C-alpha atoms as a PDB file:
ATOM      1  CA  UNK A   1     -98.092 -19.090  55.548  1.00  0.00           C
ATOM      2  CA  UNK A   2     -98.954 -15.525  54.337  1.00  0.00           C
ATOM      3  CA  UNK A   3     -96.911 -14.244  51.436  1.00  0.00           C
ATOM      4  CA  UNK A   4     -96.708 -10.749  50.071  1.00  0.00           C
ATOM      5  CA  UNK A   5     -94.891 -10.380  46.741  1.00  0.00           C
ATOM      6  CA  UNK A   6     -93.367 -13.811  47.196  1.00  0.00           C
ATOM      7  CA  UNK A   7     -91.836 -12.788  50.469  1.00  0.00           C
ATOM      8  CA  UNK A   8     -92.849 -14.853  53.530  1.00  0.00           C
ATOM      9  CA  UNK A   9     -94.067 -12.776  56.492  1.00  0.00           C
ATOM     10  CA  UNK A  10     -91.917 -14.963  58.809  1.00  0.00           C
ATOM     11  CA  UNK A  11     -88.848 -13.841  56.778  1.00  0.00           C
ATOM     12  CA  UNK A  12     -89.818 -10.225  57.336  1.00  0.00           C
ATOM     13  CA  UNK A  13     -90.173 -10.737  61.055  1.00  0.00           C
ATOM     14  CA  UNK A  14     -86.916 -12.549  61.307  1.00  0.00           C
ATOM     15  CA  UNK A  15     -85.251  -9.834  59.311  1.00  0.00           C
ATOM     16  CA  UNK A  16     -86.635  -7.205  61.700  1.00  0.00           C
ATOM     17  CA  UNK A  17     -85.313  -9.146  64.694  1.00  0.00           C
ATOM     18  CA  UNK A  18     -81.897  -9.452  63.106  1.00  0.00           C
ATOM     19  CA  UNK A  19     -81.886  -5.733  62.394  1.00  0.00           C
ATOM     20  CA  UNK A  20     -82.734  -5.101  66.069  1.00  0.00           C
ATOM     21  CA  UNK A  21     -79.768  -7.229  67.118  1.00  0.00           C
ATOM     22  CA  UNK A  22     -77.390  -5.358  64.723  1.00  0.00           C
ATOM     23  CA  UNK A  23     -78.659  -2.012  66.006  1.00  0.00           C
ATOM     24  CA  UNK A  24     -77.931  -3.193  69.523  1.00  0.00           C
ATOM     25  CA  UNK A  25     -74.428  -4.282  68.564  1.00  0.00           C
ATOM     26  CA  UNK A  26     -73.817  -0.938  66.834  1.00  0.00           C
ATOM     27  CA  UNK A  27     -75.061   0.949  69.943  1.00  0.00           C
ATOM     28  CA  UNK A  28     -72.712  -1.055  72.189  1.00  0.00           C
ATOM     29  CA  UNK A  29     -69.768  -0.487  69.905  1.00  0.00           C
ATOM     30  CA  UNK A  30     -70.530   3.237  69.685  1.00  0.00           C
ATOM     31  CA  UNK A  31     -70.741   3.470  73.448  1.00  0.00           C
ATOM     32  CA  UNK A  32     -67.324   1.806  73.850  1.00  0.00           C
ATOM     33  CA  UNK A  33     -65.808   4.100  71.237  1.00  0.00           C
ATOM     34  CA  UNK A  34     -67.261   7.258  72.874  1.00  0.00           C
ATOM     35  CA  UNK A  35     -66.026   5.978  76.304  1.00  0.00           C
ATOM     36  CA  UNK A  36     -62.594   5.404  74.754  1.00  0.00           C
ATOM     37  CA  UNK A  37     -62.474   1.780  75.861  1.00  0.00           C
ATOM     38  CA  UNK A  38     -62.829   0.172  72.427  1.00  0.00           C
ATOM     39  CA  UNK A  39     -59.860  -2.017  71.353  1.00  0.00           C
ATOM     40  CA  UNK A  40     -60.332  -3.570  67.941  1.00  0.00           C
ATOM     41  CA  UNK A  41     -59.082  -7.116  67.342  1.00  0.00           C
ATOM     42  CA  UNK A  42     -56.113  -7.549  65.026  1.00  0.00           C
ATOM     43  CA  UNK A  43     -56.857  -8.168  61.288  1.00  0.00           C
ATOM     44  CA  UNK A  44     -56.508 -11.764  60.286  1.00  0.00           C
ATOM     45  CA  UNK A  45     -53.844 -12.125  57.565  1.00  0.00           C
ATOM     46  CA  UNK A  46     -54.398 -14.840  54.948  1.00  0.00           C
ATOM     47  CA  UNK A  47     -52.124 -15.747  52.056  1.00  0.00           C
ATOM     48  CA  UNK A  48     -53.813 -16.389  48.752  1.00  0.00           C
ATOM     49  CA  UNK A  49     -52.029 -17.755  45.654  1.00  0.00           C
ATOM     50  CA  UNK A  50     -51.459 -15.442  42.645  1.00  0.00           C
ATOM     51  CA  UNK A  51     -51.518 -16.576  39.079  1.00  0.00           C
ATOM     52  CA  UNK A  52     -47.736 -16.373  38.807  1.00  0.00           C
ATOM     53  CA  UNK A  53     -47.192 -18.785  41.757  1.00  0.00           C
ATOM     54  CA  UNK A  54     -46.364 -16.150  44.437  1.00  0.00           C
ATOM     55  CA  UNK A  55     -48.605 -15.355  47.354  1.00  0.00           C
ATOM     56  CA  UNK A  56     -50.668 -12.284  48.182  1.00  0.00           C
ATOM     57  CA  UNK A  57     -51.424 -11.332  51.754  1.00  0.00           C
ATOM     58  CA  UNK A  58     -55.053 -10.391  52.286  1.00  0.00           C
ATOM     59  CA  UNK A  59     -56.322  -8.758  55.554  1.00  0.00           C
ATOM     60  CA  UNK A  60     -59.687  -9.932  56.832  1.00  0.00           C
ATOM     61  CA  UNK A  61     -61.195  -7.569  59.361  1.00  0.00           C
ATOM     62  CA  UNK A  62     -63.293  -8.881  62.256  1.00  0.00           C
ATOM     63  CA  UNK A  63     -66.931  -7.866  62.045  1.00  0.00           C
ATOM     64  CA  UNK A  64     -67.779  -8.389  65.731  1.00  0.00           C
ATOM     65  CA  UNK A  65     -65.379  -8.035  68.646  1.00  0.00           C
END
């Protein structure tokens, strides 16, 4: 396995493929926004405990629709 600066070339290739997939997802989302057909999913609400025993509601956005 060829390594450059302790980074495997396979890792670089995989990263490039992942980047291509992310660019494709971005382009699809952008097209849907421009066409005004984009509908985001609701934010997931999760309760997390606070130090005083009460709960805090945290919103977790969805990364991919």
